Amino acid sequence: MFGSLGGAFRPTFAAFGGRAWRISWRLSKTRKANVRKRLRDVDSVIDTLAASGVECKQLELAKAIPREHEMLPRDKYTTFSRKASKHRKSVHKVPHFTKRPIPRTTPTGF
């Protein structure tokens, strides 16, 4: 009965966990632009704190990470994943990726 319905109630393969059609397989231009904007916002906060004269260990570590314009596109839009093929996973496949910090560095060799 419900198999013929479309929209939000359409069935998907159980092997995909029911989420196959909800997450697009690539980032759109808008979502990529939003990722870049969030990275630049973090960079500006780090610059503001550094200019204010605040000194702490975490700020020194934050200044050591690469800035948005220094990052490769591969590092901006994908993240390291042990389980994914080639050990990279698109950042929009990570749960709550807009709320969590995007790791700007990857383990050596990946």
PDB file of N, CA and C in Angstrom:
ATOM      1  N   MET A   1       0.806  -1.187   0.000  1.00  0.00           N
ATOM      2  CA  MET A   1       0.000   0.000   0.000  1.00  0.00           C
ATOM      3  C   MET A   1       0.857   1.261   0.000  1.00  0.00           C
ATOM      4  N   PHE A   2       1.857   1.321   0.886  1.00  0.00           N
ATOM      5  CA  PHE A   2       2.679   2.521   0.966  1.00  0.00           C
ATOM      6  C   PHE A   2       3.841   2.509  -0.015  1.00  0.00           C
ATOM      7  N   GLY A   3       4.042   1.424  -0.730  1.00  0.00           N
ATOM      8  CA  GLY A   3       5.148   1.333  -1.664  1.00  0.00           C
ATOM      9  C   GLY A   3       5.003   2.237  -2.864  1.00  0.00           C
ATOM     10  N   SER A   4       3.794   2.659  -3.181  1.00  0.00           N
ATOM     11  CA  SER A   4       3.604   3.484  -4.357  1.00  0.00           C
ATOM     12  C   SER A   4       3.654   4.978  -4.058  1.00  0.00           C
ATOM     13  N   LEU A   5       3.754   5.332  -2.793  1.00  0.00           N
ATOM     14  CA  LEU A   5       3.803   6.749  -2.442  1.00  0.00           C
ATOM     15  C   LEU A   5       5.176   7.331  -2.761  1.00  0.00           C
ATOM     16  N   GLY A   6       5.217   8.576  -3.135  1.00  0.00           N
ATOM     17  CA  GLY A   6       6.484   9.246  -3.405  1.00  0.00           C
ATOM     18  C   GLY A   6       6.790  10.230  -2.299  1.00  0.00           C
ATOM     19  N   GLY A   7       7.698  11.096  -2.565  1.00  0.00           N
ATOM     20  CA  GLY A   7       8.012  12.144  -1.603  1.00  0.00           C
ATOM     21  C   GLY A   7       8.762  11.637  -0.396  1.00  0.00           C
ATOM     22  N   ALA A   8       8.434  12.192   0.746  1.00  0.00           N
ATOM     23  CA  ALA A   8       9.162  11.888   1.965  1.00  0.00           C
ATOM     24  C   ALA A   8       8.929  10.475   2.469  1.00  0.00           C
ATOM     25  N   PHE A   9       7.882   9.801   1.989  1.00  0.00           N
ATOM     26  CA  PHE A   9       7.552   8.480   2.509  1.00  0.00           C
ATOM     27  C   PHE A   9       7.916   7.348   1.573  1.00  0.00           C
ATOM     28  N   ARG A  10       8.685   7.645   0.525  1.00  0.00           N
ATOM     29  CA  ARG A  10       9.032   6.576  -0.394  1.00  0.00           C
ATOM     30  C   ARG A  10      10.046   5.627   0.246  1.00  0.00           C
ATOM     31  N   PRO A  11       9.920   4.344  -0.021  1.00  0.00           N
ATOM     32  CA  PRO A  11      10.829   3.381   0.600  1.00  0.00           C
ATOM     33  C   PRO A  11      12.194   3.387  -0.082  1.00  0.00           C
ATOM     34  N   THR A  12      13.219   3.063   0.681  1.00  0.00           N
ATOM     35  CA  THR A  12      14.561   2.920   0.139  1.00  0.00           C
ATOM     36  C   THR A  12      15.112   1.571   0.555  1.00  0.00           C
ATOM     37  N   PHE A  13      16.232   1.186  -0.024  1.00  0.00           N
ATOM     38  CA  PHE A  13      16.828  -0.100   0.272  1.00  0.00           C
ATOM     39  C   PHE A  13      17.268  -0.168   1.723  1.00  0.00           C
ATOM     40  N   ALA A  14      17.023  -1.297   2.345  1.00  0.00           N
ATOM     41  CA  ALA A  14      17.445  -1.477   3.731  1.00  0.00           C
ATOM     42  C   ALA A  14      18.963  -1.472   3.843  1.00  0.00           C
ATOM     43  N   ALA A  15      19.645  -1.901   2.772  1.00  0.00           N
ATOM     44  CA  ALA A  15      21.101  -1.921   2.797  1.00  0.00           C
ATOM     45  C   ALA A  15      21.682  -0.520   2.933  1.00  0.00           C
ATOM     46  N   PHE A  16      20.967   0.494   2.494  1.00  0.00           N
ATOM     47  CA  PHE A  16      21.414   1.870   2.621  1.00  0.00           C
ATOM     48  C   PHE A  16      20.938   2.498   3.925  1.00  0.00           C
ATOM     49  N   GLY A  17      20.290   1.740   4.748  1.00  0.00           N
ATOM     50  CA  GLY A  17      19.812   2.269   6.021  1.00  0.00           C
ATOM     51  C   GLY A  17      18.652   3.226   5.864  1.00  0.00           C
ATOM     52  N   GLY A  18      17.983   3.200   4.722  1.00  0.00           N
ATOM     53  CA  GLY A  18      16.853   4.089   4.520  1.00  0.00           C
ATOM     54  C   GLY A  18      17.224   5.518   4.219  1.00  0.00           C
ATOM     55  N   ARG A  19      18.511   5.809   4.034  1.00  0.00           N
ATOM     56  CA  ARG A  19      18.928   7.192   3.840  1.00  0.00           C
ATOM     57  C   ARG A  19      19.526   7.444   2.473  1.00  0.00           C
ATOM     58  N   ALA A  20      19.325   6.548   1.536  1.00  0.00           N
ATOM     59  CA  ALA A  20      20.008   6.631   0.246  1.00  0.00           C
ATOM     60  C   ALA A  20      19.614   7.881  -0.536  1.00  0.00           C
ATOM     61  N   TRP A  21      18.385   8.285  -0.482  1.00  0.00           N
ATOM     62  CA  TRP A  21      17.947   9.393  -1.327  1.00  0.00           C
ATOM     63  C   TRP A  21      17.971  10.721  -0.598  1.00  0.00           C
ATOM     64  N   ARG A  22      18.199  10.717   0.706  1.00  0.00           N
ATOM     65  CA  ARG A  22      18.132  11.959   1.465  1.00  0.00           C
ATOM     66  C   ARG A  22      19.435  12.763   1.403  1.00  0.00           C
ATOM     67  N   ILE A  23      20.557  12.094   1.292  1.00  0.00           N
ATOM     68  CA  ILE A  23      21.855  12.781   1.262  1.00  0.00           C
ATOM     69  C   ILE A  23      22.366  12.766  -0.171  1.00  0.00           C
ATOM     70  N   SER A  24      22.572  13.948  -0.728  1.00  0.00           N
ATOM     71  CA  SER A  24      23.081  14.013  -2.094  1.00  0.00           C
ATOM     72  C   SER A  24      24.495  13.450  -2.140  1.00  0.00           C
ATOM     73  N   TRP A  25      24.907  12.971  -3.288  1.00  0.00           N
ATOM     74  CA  TRP A  25      26.196  12.304  -3.381  1.00  0.00           C
ATOM     75  C   TRP A  25      27.350  13.266  -3.614  1.00  0.00           C
ATOM     76  N   ARG A  26      27.053  14.535  -3.864  1.00  0.00           N
ATOM     77  CA  ARG A  26      28.119  15.531  -3.984  1.00  0.00           C
ATOM     78  C   ARG A  26      27.668  16.846  -3.370  1.00  0.00           C
ATOM     79  N   LEU A  27      28.625  17.651  -2.998  1.00  0.00           N
ATOM     80  CA  LEU A  27      28.330  18.972  -2.444  1.00  0.00           C
ATOM     81  C   LEU A  27      27.950  19.924  -3.564  1.00  0.00           C
ATOM     82  N   SER A  28      26.918  20.723  -3.353  1.00  0.00           N
ATOM     83  CA  SER A  28      26.542  21.726  -4.346  1.00  0.00           C
ATOM     84  C   SER A  28      27.471  22.934  -4.214  1.00  0.00           C
ATOM     85  N   LYS A  29      27.421  23.831  -5.189  1.00  0.00           N
ATOM     86  CA  LYS A  29      28.248  25.041  -5.153  1.00  0.00           C
ATOM     87  C   LYS A  29      27.945  25.874  -3.915  1.00  0.00           C
ATOM     88  N   THR A  30      26.664  25.947  -3.555  1.00  0.00           N
ATOM     89  CA  THR A  30      26.260  26.737  -2.394  1.00  0.00           C
ATOM     90  C   THR A  30      26.806  26.145  -1.108  1.00  0.00           C
ATOM     91  N   ARG A  31      26.726  24.838  -0.979  1.00  0.00           N
ATOM     92  CA  ARG A  31      27.224  24.199   0.244  1.00  0.00           C
ATOM     93  C   ARG A  31      28.744  24.303   0.327  1.00  0.00           C
ATOM     94  N   LYS A  32      29.437  24.228  -0.812  1.00  0.00           N
ATOM     95  CA  LYS A  32      30.880  24.429  -0.810  1.00  0.00           C
ATOM     96  C   LYS A  32      31.227  25.848  -0.388  1.00  0.00           C
ATOM     97  N   ALA A  33      30.471  26.813  -0.886  1.00  0.00           N
ATOM     98  CA  ALA A  33      30.703  28.208  -0.513  1.00  0.00           C
ATOM     99  C   ALA A  33      30.472  28.416   0.977  1.00  0.00           C
ATOM    100  N   ASN A  34      29.481  27.749   1.534  1.00  0.00           N
ATOM    101  CA  ASN A  34      29.217  27.862   2.969  1.00  0.00           C
ATOM    102  C   ASN A  34      30.339  27.238   3.793  1.00  0.00           C
ATOM    103  N   VAL A  35      30.907  26.130   3.318  1.00  0.00           N
ATOM    104  CA  VAL A  35      32.046  25.515   4.005  1.00  0.00           C
ATOM    105  C   VAL A  35      33.216  26.484   4.014  1.00  0.00           C
ATOM    106  N   ARG A  36      33.505  27.092   2.845  1.00  0.00           N
ATOM    107  CA  ARG A  36      34.610  28.054   2.769  1.00  0.00           C
ATOM    108  C   ARG A  36      34.367  29.253   3.687  1.00  0.00           C
ATOM    109  N   LYS A  37      33.130  29.712   3.739  1.00  0.00           N
ATOM    110  CA  LYS A  37      32.795  30.855   4.593  1.00  0.00           C
ATOM    111  C   LYS A  37      32.998  30.512   6.064  1.00  0.00           C
ATOM    112  N   ARG A  38      32.593  29.316   6.485  1.00  0.00           N
ATOM    113  CA  ARG A  38      32.798  28.920   7.872  1.00  0.00           C
ATOM    114  C   ARG A  38      34.288  28.832   8.206  1.00  0.00           C
ATOM    115  N   LEU A  39      35.099  28.317   7.277  1.00  0.00           N
ATOM    116  CA  LEU A  39      36.539  28.250   7.503  1.00  0.00           C
ATOM    117  C   LEU A  39      37.145  29.650   7.617  1.00  0.00           C
ATOM    118  N   ARG A  40      36.708  30.567   6.750  1.00  0.00           N
ATOM    119  CA  ARG A  40      37.209  31.946   6.816  1.00  0.00           C
ATOM    120  C   ARG A  40      36.774  32.630   8.111  1.00  0.00           C
ATOM    121  N   ASP A  41      35.552  32.346   8.578  1.00  0.00           N
ATOM    122  CA  ASP A  41      35.085  32.925   9.840  1.00  0.00           C
ATOM    123  C   ASP A  41      35.957  32.476  11.007  1.00  0.00           C
ATOM    124  N   VAL A  42      36.325  31.203  11.011  1.00  0.00           N
ATOM    125  CA  VAL A  42      37.210  30.694  12.064  1.00  0.00           C
ATOM    126  C   VAL A  42      38.566  31.386  11.973  1.00  0.00           C
ATOM    127  N   ASP A  43      39.070  31.562  10.755  1.00  0.00           N
ATOM    128  CA  ASP A  43      40.354  32.253  10.574  1.00  0.00           C
ATOM    129  C   ASP A  43      40.294  33.683  11.112  1.00  0.00           C
ATOM    130  N   SER A  44      39.184  34.359  10.879  1.00  0.00           N
ATOM    131  CA  SER A  44      39.064  35.742  11.357  1.00  0.00           C
ATOM    132  C   SER A  44      38.991  35.806  12.880  1.00  0.00           C
ATOM    133  N   VAL A  45      38.351  34.830  13.513  1.00  0.00           N
ATOM    134  CA  VAL A  45      38.303  34.796  14.975  1.00  0.00           C
ATOM    135  C   VAL A  45      39.702  34.573  15.540  1.00  0.00           C
ATOM    136  N   ILE A  46      40.468  33.676  14.927  1.00  0.00           N
ATOM    137  CA  ILE A  46      41.838  33.424  15.374  1.00  0.00           C
ATOM    138  C   ILE A  46      42.686  34.688  15.217  1.00  0.00           C
ATOM    139  N   ASP A  47      42.524  35.391  14.097  1.00  0.00           N
ATOM    140  CA  ASP A  47      43.266  36.638  13.884  1.00  0.00           C
ATOM    141  C   ASP A  47      42.886  37.697  14.916  1.00  0.00           C
ATOM    142  N   THR A  48      41.606  37.802  15.222  1.00  0.00           N
ATOM    143  CA  THR A  48      41.141  38.786  16.198  1.00  0.00           C
ATOM    144  C   THR A  48      41.717  38.500  17.582  1.00  0.00           C
ATOM    145  N   LEU A  49      41.702  37.224  17.972  1.00  0.00           N
ATOM    146  CA  LEU A  49      42.260  36.867  19.274  1.00  0.00           C
ATOM    147  C   LEU A  49      43.763  37.121  19.323  1.00  0.00           C
ATOM    148  N   ALA A  50      44.453  36.812  18.231  1.00  0.00           N
ATOM    149  CA  ALA A  50      45.898  37.038  18.199  1.00  0.00           C
ATOM    150  C   ALA A  50      46.219  38.530  18.257  1.00  0.00           C
ATOM    151  N   ALA A  51      45.406  39.345  17.599  1.00  0.00           N
ATOM    152  CA  ALA A  51      45.645  40.795  17.590  1.00  0.00           C
ATOM    153  C   ALA A  51      45.318  41.437  18.936  1.00  0.00           C
ATOM    154  N   SER A  52      44.443  40.811  19.713  1.00  0.00           N
ATOM    155  CA  SER A  52      44.048  41.399  20.993  1.00  0.00           C
ATOM    156  C   SER A  52      45.107  41.207  22.077  1.00  0.00           C
ATOM    157  N   GLY A  53      46.087  40.364  21.818  1.00  0.00           N
ATOM    158  CA  GLY A  53      47.153  40.165  22.784  1.00  0.00           C
ATOM    159  C   GLY A  53      46.931  38.980  23.709  1.00  0.00           C
ATOM    160  N   VAL A  54      45.891  38.224  23.497  1.00  0.00           N
ATOM    161  CA  VAL A  54      45.636  37.045  24.317  1.00  0.00           C
ATOM    162  C   VAL A  54      46.692  35.988  24.010  1.00  0.00           C
ATOM    163  N   GLU A  55      47.212  35.361  25.039  1.00  0.00           N
ATOM    164  CA  GLU A  55      48.200  34.306  24.852  1.00  0.00           C
ATOM    165  C   GLU A  55      47.746  33.056  25.588  1.00  0.00           C
ATOM    166  N   CYS A  56      47.635  31.955  24.858  1.00  0.00           N
ATOM    167  CA  CYS A  56      47.333  30.666  25.475  1.00  0.00           C
ATOM    168  C   CYS A  56      47.788  29.561  24.519  1.00  0.00           C
ATOM    169  N   LYS A  57      47.892  28.380  25.055  1.00  0.00           N
ATOM    170  CA  LYS A  57      48.412  27.262  24.272  1.00  0.00           C
ATOM    171  C   LYS A  57      47.489  26.918  23.111  1.00  0.00           C
ATOM    172  N   GLN A  58      46.179  26.927  23.337  1.00  0.00           N
ATOM    173  CA  GLN A  58      45.227  26.586  22.285  1.00  0.00           C
ATOM    174  C   GLN A  58      45.269  27.590  21.138  1.00  0.00           C
ATOM    175  N   LEU A  59      45.499  28.864  21.453  1.00  0.00           N
ATOM    176  CA  LEU A  59      45.608  29.864  20.393  1.00  0.00           C
ATOM    177  C   LEU A  59      46.862  29.632  19.556  1.00  0.00           C
ATOM    178  N   GLU A  60      47.947  29.241  20.187  1.00  0.00           N
ATOM    179  CA  GLU A  60      49.163  28.939  19.439  1.00  0.00           C
ATOM    180  C   GLU A  60      48.951  27.731  18.526  1.00  0.00           C
ATOM    181  N   LEU A  61      48.230  26.726  19.018  1.00  0.00           N
ATOM    182  CA  LEU A  61      47.921  25.566  18.183  1.00  0.00           C
ATOM    183  C   LEU A  61      47.002  25.952  17.027  1.00  0.00           C
ATOM    184  N   ALA A  62      46.049  26.847  17.296  1.00  0.00           N
ATOM    185  CA  ALA A  62      45.113  27.277  16.252  1.00  0.00           C
ATOM    186  C   ALA A  62      45.820  28.092  15.176  1.00  0.00           C
ATOM    187  N   LYS A  63      46.831  28.866  15.566  1.00  0.00           N
ATOM    188  CA  LYS A  63      47.571  29.650  14.574  1.00  0.00           C
ATOM    189  C   LYS A  63      48.447  28.768  13.697  1.00  0.00           C
ATOM    190  N   ALA A  64      48.762  27.558  14.170  1.00  0.00           N
ATOM    191  CA  ALA A  64      49.628  26.658  13.416  1.00  0.00           C
ATOM    192  C   ALA A  64      48.890  25.899  12.317  1.00  0.00           C
ATOM    193  N   ILE A  65      47.561  25.813  12.398  1.00  0.00           N
ATOM    194  CA  ILE A  65      46.812  25.075  11.377  1.00  0.00           C
ATOM    195  C   ILE A  65      46.745  25.896  10.093  1.00  0.00           C
ATOM    196  N   PRO A  66      46.596  25.241   8.937  1.00  0.00           N
ATOM    197  CA  PRO A  66      46.550  25.997   7.679  1.00  0.00           C
ATOM    198  C   PRO A  66      45.277  26.848   7.574  1.00  0.00           C
ATOM    199  N   ARG A  67      45.401  27.982   6.924  1.00  0.00           N
ATOM    200  CA  ARG A  67      44.253  28.861   6.716  1.00  0.00           C
ATOM    201  C   ARG A  67      43.426  28.356   5.532  1.00  0.00           C
ATOM    202  N   GLU A  68      42.249  28.920   5.347  1.00  0.00           N
ATOM    203  CA  GLU A  68      41.328  28.449   4.305  1.00  0.00           C
ATOM    204  C   GLU A  68      41.955  28.531   2.918  1.00  0.00           C
ATOM    205  N   HIS A  69      42.641  29.617   2.603  1.00  0.00           N
ATOM    206  CA  HIS A  69      43.203  29.769   1.260  1.00  0.00           C
ATOM    207  C   HIS A  69      44.438  28.899   1.047  1.00  0.00           C
ATOM    208  N   GLU A  70      45.027  28.376   2.136  1.00  0.00           N
ATOM    209  CA  GLU A  70      46.193  27.500   2.013  1.00  0.00           C
ATOM    210  C   GLU A  70      45.803  26.033   1.875  1.00  0.00           C
ATOM    211  N   MET A  71      44.556  25.709   2.165  1.00  0.00           N
ATOM    212  CA  MET A  71      44.113  24.313   2.139  1.00  0.00           C
ATOM    213  C   MET A  71      43.829  23.850   0.719  1.00  0.00           C
ATOM    214  N   LEU A  72      44.094  22.579   0.477  1.00  0.00           N
ATOM    215  CA  LEU A  72      43.717  21.977  -0.794  1.00  0.00           C
ATOM    216  C   LEU A  72      42.210  21.727  -0.798  1.00  0.00           C
ATOM    217  N   PRO A  73      41.580  21.758  -1.980  1.00  0.00           N
ATOM    218  CA  PRO A  73      40.144  21.464  -2.025  1.00  0.00           C
ATOM    219  C   PRO A  73      39.810  20.108  -1.418  1.00  0.00           C
ATOM    220  N   ARG A  74      40.707  19.161  -1.576  1.00  0.00           N
ATOM    221  CA  ARG A  74      40.483  17.837  -1.003  1.00  0.00           C
ATOM    222  C   ARG A  74      40.335  17.906   0.520  1.00  0.00           C
ATOM    223  N   ASP A  75      41.103  18.787   1.162  1.00  0.00           N
ATOM    224  CA  ASP A  75      41.028  18.921   2.615  1.00  0.00           C
ATOM    225  C   ASP A  75      39.847  19.771   3.065  1.00  0.00           C
ATOM    226  N   LYS A  76      39.392  20.678   2.204  1.00  0.00           N
ATOM    227  CA  LYS A  76      38.247  21.515   2.568  1.00  0.00           C
ATOM    228  C   LYS A  76      36.942  20.734   2.549  1.00  0.00           C
ATOM    229  N   TYR A  77      36.779  19.903   1.540  1.00  0.00           N
ATOM    230  CA  TYR A  77      35.473  19.287   1.300  1.00  0.00           C
ATOM    231  C   TYR A  77      35.404  17.817   1.669  1.00  0.00           C
ATOM    232  N   THR A  78      36.513  17.208   2.063  1.00  0.00           N
ATOM    233  CA  THR A  78      36.483  15.817   2.500  1.00  0.00           C
ATOM    234  C   THR A  78      37.196  15.711   3.835  1.00  0.00           C
ATOM    235  N   THR A  79      36.936  14.634   4.534  1.00  0.00           N
ATOM    236  CA  THR A  79      37.562  14.399   5.819  1.00  0.00           C
ATOM    237  C   THR A  79      38.071  12.964   5.879  1.00  0.00           C
ATOM    238  N   PHE A  80      38.994  12.706   6.766  1.00  0.00           N
ATOM    239  CA  PHE A  80      39.554  11.373   6.900  1.00  0.00           C
ATOM    240  C   PHE A  80      38.515  10.437   7.510  1.00  0.00           C
ATOM    241  N   SER A  81      38.434   9.228   6.953  1.00  0.00           N
ATOM    242  CA  SER A  81      37.543   8.204   7.488  1.00  0.00           C
ATOM    243  C   SER A  81      38.221   6.852   7.344  1.00  0.00           C
ATOM    244  N   ARG A  82      38.331   6.119   8.444  1.00  0.00           N
ATOM    245  CA  ARG A  82      38.975   4.809   8.388  1.00  0.00           C
ATOM    246  C   ARG A  82      38.169   3.828   7.561  1.00  0.00           C
ATOM    247  N   LYS A  83      36.839   3.972   7.567  1.00  0.00           N
ATOM    248  CA  LYS A  83      35.977   2.974   6.953  1.00  0.00           C
ATOM    249  C   LYS A  83      35.692   3.233   5.476  1.00  0.00           C
ATOM    250  N   ALA A  84      35.848   4.460   5.027  1.00  0.00           N
ATOM    251  CA  ALA A  84      35.518   4.794   3.640  1.00  0.00           C
ATOM    252  C   ALA A  84      36.603   4.284   2.692  1.00  0.00           C
ATOM    253  N   SER A  85      36.203   4.057   1.443  1.00  0.00           N
ATOM    254  CA  SER A  85      37.197   3.668   0.448  1.00  0.00           C
ATOM    255  C   SER A  85      38.148   4.834   0.223  1.00  0.00           C
ATOM    256  N   LYS A  86      39.395   4.539   0.061  1.00  0.00           N
ATOM    257  CA  LYS A  86      40.470   5.531  -0.075  1.00  0.00           C
ATOM    258  C   LYS A  86      40.594   6.433   1.161  1.00  0.00           C
ATOM    259  N   HIS A  87      39.930   6.074   2.243  1.00  0.00           N
ATOM    260  CA  HIS A  87      40.027   6.749   3.541  1.00  0.00           C
ATOM    261  C   HIS A  87      39.596   8.205   3.510  1.00  0.00           C
ATOM    262  N   ARG A  88      38.766   8.611   2.565  1.00  0.00           N
ATOM    263  CA  ARG A  88      38.244   9.976   2.510  1.00  0.00           C
ATOM    264  C   ARG A  88      36.725   9.909   2.432  1.00  0.00           C
ATOM    265  N   LYS A  89      36.070  10.843   3.108  1.00  0.00           N
ATOM    266  CA  LYS A  89      34.620  10.903   3.089  1.00  0.00           C
ATOM    267  C   LYS A  89      34.208  12.358   2.889  1.00  0.00           C
ATOM    268  N   SER A  90      33.225  12.584   2.045  1.00  0.00           N
ATOM    269  CA  SER A  90      32.766  13.947   1.801  1.00  0.00           C
ATOM    270  C   SER A  90      32.249  14.544   3.102  1.00  0.00           C
ATOM    271  N   VAL A  91      32.543  15.814   3.309  1.00  0.00           N
ATOM    272  CA  VAL A  91      32.255  16.438   4.601  1.00  0.00           C
ATOM    273  C   VAL A  91      30.756  16.484   4.881  1.00  0.00           C
ATOM    274  N   HIS A  92      29.922  16.516   3.848  1.00  0.00           N
ATOM    275  CA  HIS A  92      28.481  16.584   4.113  1.00  0.00           C
ATOM    276  C   HIS A  92      27.897  15.239   4.516  1.00  0.00           C
ATOM    277  N   LYS A  93      28.672  14.174   4.466  1.00  0.00           N
ATOM    278  CA  LYS A  93      28.227  12.875   4.961  1.00  0.00           C
ATOM    279  C   LYS A  93      28.481  12.725   6.459  1.00  0.00           C
ATOM    280  N   VAL A  94      29.231  13.651   7.044  1.00  0.00           N
ATOM    281  CA  VAL A  94      29.506  13.630   8.480  1.00  0.00           C
ATOM    282  C   VAL A  94      28.301  14.222   9.204  1.00  0.00           C
ATOM    283  N   PRO A  95      27.778  13.542  10.233  1.00  0.00           N
ATOM    284  CA  PRO A  95      26.624  14.095  10.949  1.00  0.00           C
ATOM    285  C   PRO A  95      26.956  15.443  11.588  1.00  0.00           C
ATOM    286  N   HIS A  96      26.066  16.403  11.439  1.00  0.00           N
ATOM    287  CA  HIS A  96      26.191  17.745  12.017  1.00  0.00           C
ATOM    288  C   HIS A  96      27.477  18.437  11.573  1.00  0.00           C
ATOM    289  N   PHE A  97      27.832  18.308  10.296  1.00  0.00           N
ATOM    290  CA  PHE A  97      29.108  18.855   9.837  1.00  0.00           C
ATOM    291  C   PHE A  97      29.153  20.371   9.897  1.00  0.00           C
ATOM    292  N   THR A  98      27.999  21.032   9.954  1.00  0.00           N
ATOM    293  CA  THR A  98      28.020  22.489  10.058  1.00  0.00           C
ATOM    294  C   THR A  98      28.286  22.947  11.484  1.00  0.00           C
ATOM    295  N   LYS A  99      28.110  22.070  12.448  1.00  0.00           N
ATOM    296  CA  LYS A  99      28.311  22.438  13.846  1.00  0.00           C
ATOM    297  C   LYS A  99      29.658  21.979  14.389  1.00  0.00           C
ATOM    298  N   ARG A 100      30.264  20.987  13.754  1.00  0.00           N
ATOM    299  CA  ARG A 100      31.544  20.460  14.218  1.00  0.00           C
ATOM    300  C   ARG A 100      32.683  21.084  13.429  1.00  0.00           C
ATOM    301  N   PRO A 101      33.834  21.233  14.056  1.00  0.00           N
ATOM    302  CA  PRO A 101      34.975  21.779  13.307  1.00  0.00           C
ATOM    303  C   PRO A 101      35.454  20.795  12.242  1.00  0.00           C
ATOM    304  N   ILE A 102      35.770  21.310  11.083  1.00  0.00           N
ATOM    305  CA  ILE A 102      36.306  20.484  10.010  1.00  0.00           C
ATOM    306  C   ILE A 102      37.801  20.333  10.263  1.00  0.00           C
ATOM    307  N   PRO A 103      38.281  19.092  10.394  1.00  0.00           N
ATOM    308  CA  PRO A 103      39.722  18.937  10.624  1.00  0.00           C
ATOM    309  C   PRO A 103      40.513  19.440   9.420  1.00  0.00           C
ATOM    310  N   ARG A 104      41.449  20.338   9.655  1.00  0.00           N
ATOM    311  CA  ARG A 104      42.193  20.945   8.554  1.00  0.00           C
ATOM    312  C   ARG A 104      43.429  20.164   8.188  1.00  0.00           C
ATOM    313  N   THR A 105      43.798  19.217   9.004  1.00  0.00           N
ATOM    314  CA  THR A 105      44.941  18.378   8.700  1.00  0.00           C
ATOM    315  C   THR A 105      44.498  16.918   8.753  1.00  0.00           C
ATOM    316  N   THR A 106      45.164  16.066   8.006  1.00  0.00           N
ATOM    317  CA  THR A 106      44.840  14.659   7.984  1.00  0.00           C
ATOM    318  C   THR A 106      46.031  13.858   8.502  1.00  0.00           C
ATOM    319  N   PRO A 107      45.810  12.626   8.898  1.00  0.00           N
ATOM    320  CA  PRO A 107      46.944  11.804   9.327  1.00  0.00           C
ATOM    321  C   PRO A 107      47.977  11.654   8.198  1.00  0.00           C
ATOM    322  N   THR A 108      49.199  11.505   8.555  1.00  0.00           N
ATOM    323  CA  THR A 108      50.284  11.384   7.578  1.00  0.00           C
ATOM    324  C   THR A 108      50.031  10.186   6.659  1.00  0.00           C
ATOM    325  N   GLY A 109      50.134  10.407   5.370  1.00  0.00           N
ATOM    326  CA  GLY A 109      49.944   9.345   4.402  1.00  0.00           C
ATOM    327  C   GLY A 109      48.554   9.274   3.817  1.00  0.00           C
ATOM    328  N   PHE A 110      47.633  10.089   4.286  1.00  0.00           N
ATOM    329  CA  PHE A 110      46.264  10.061   3.782  1.00  0.00           C
ATOM    330  C   PHE A 110      45.898  11.410   3.218  1.00  0.00           C
TER     331      PHE A 110
END
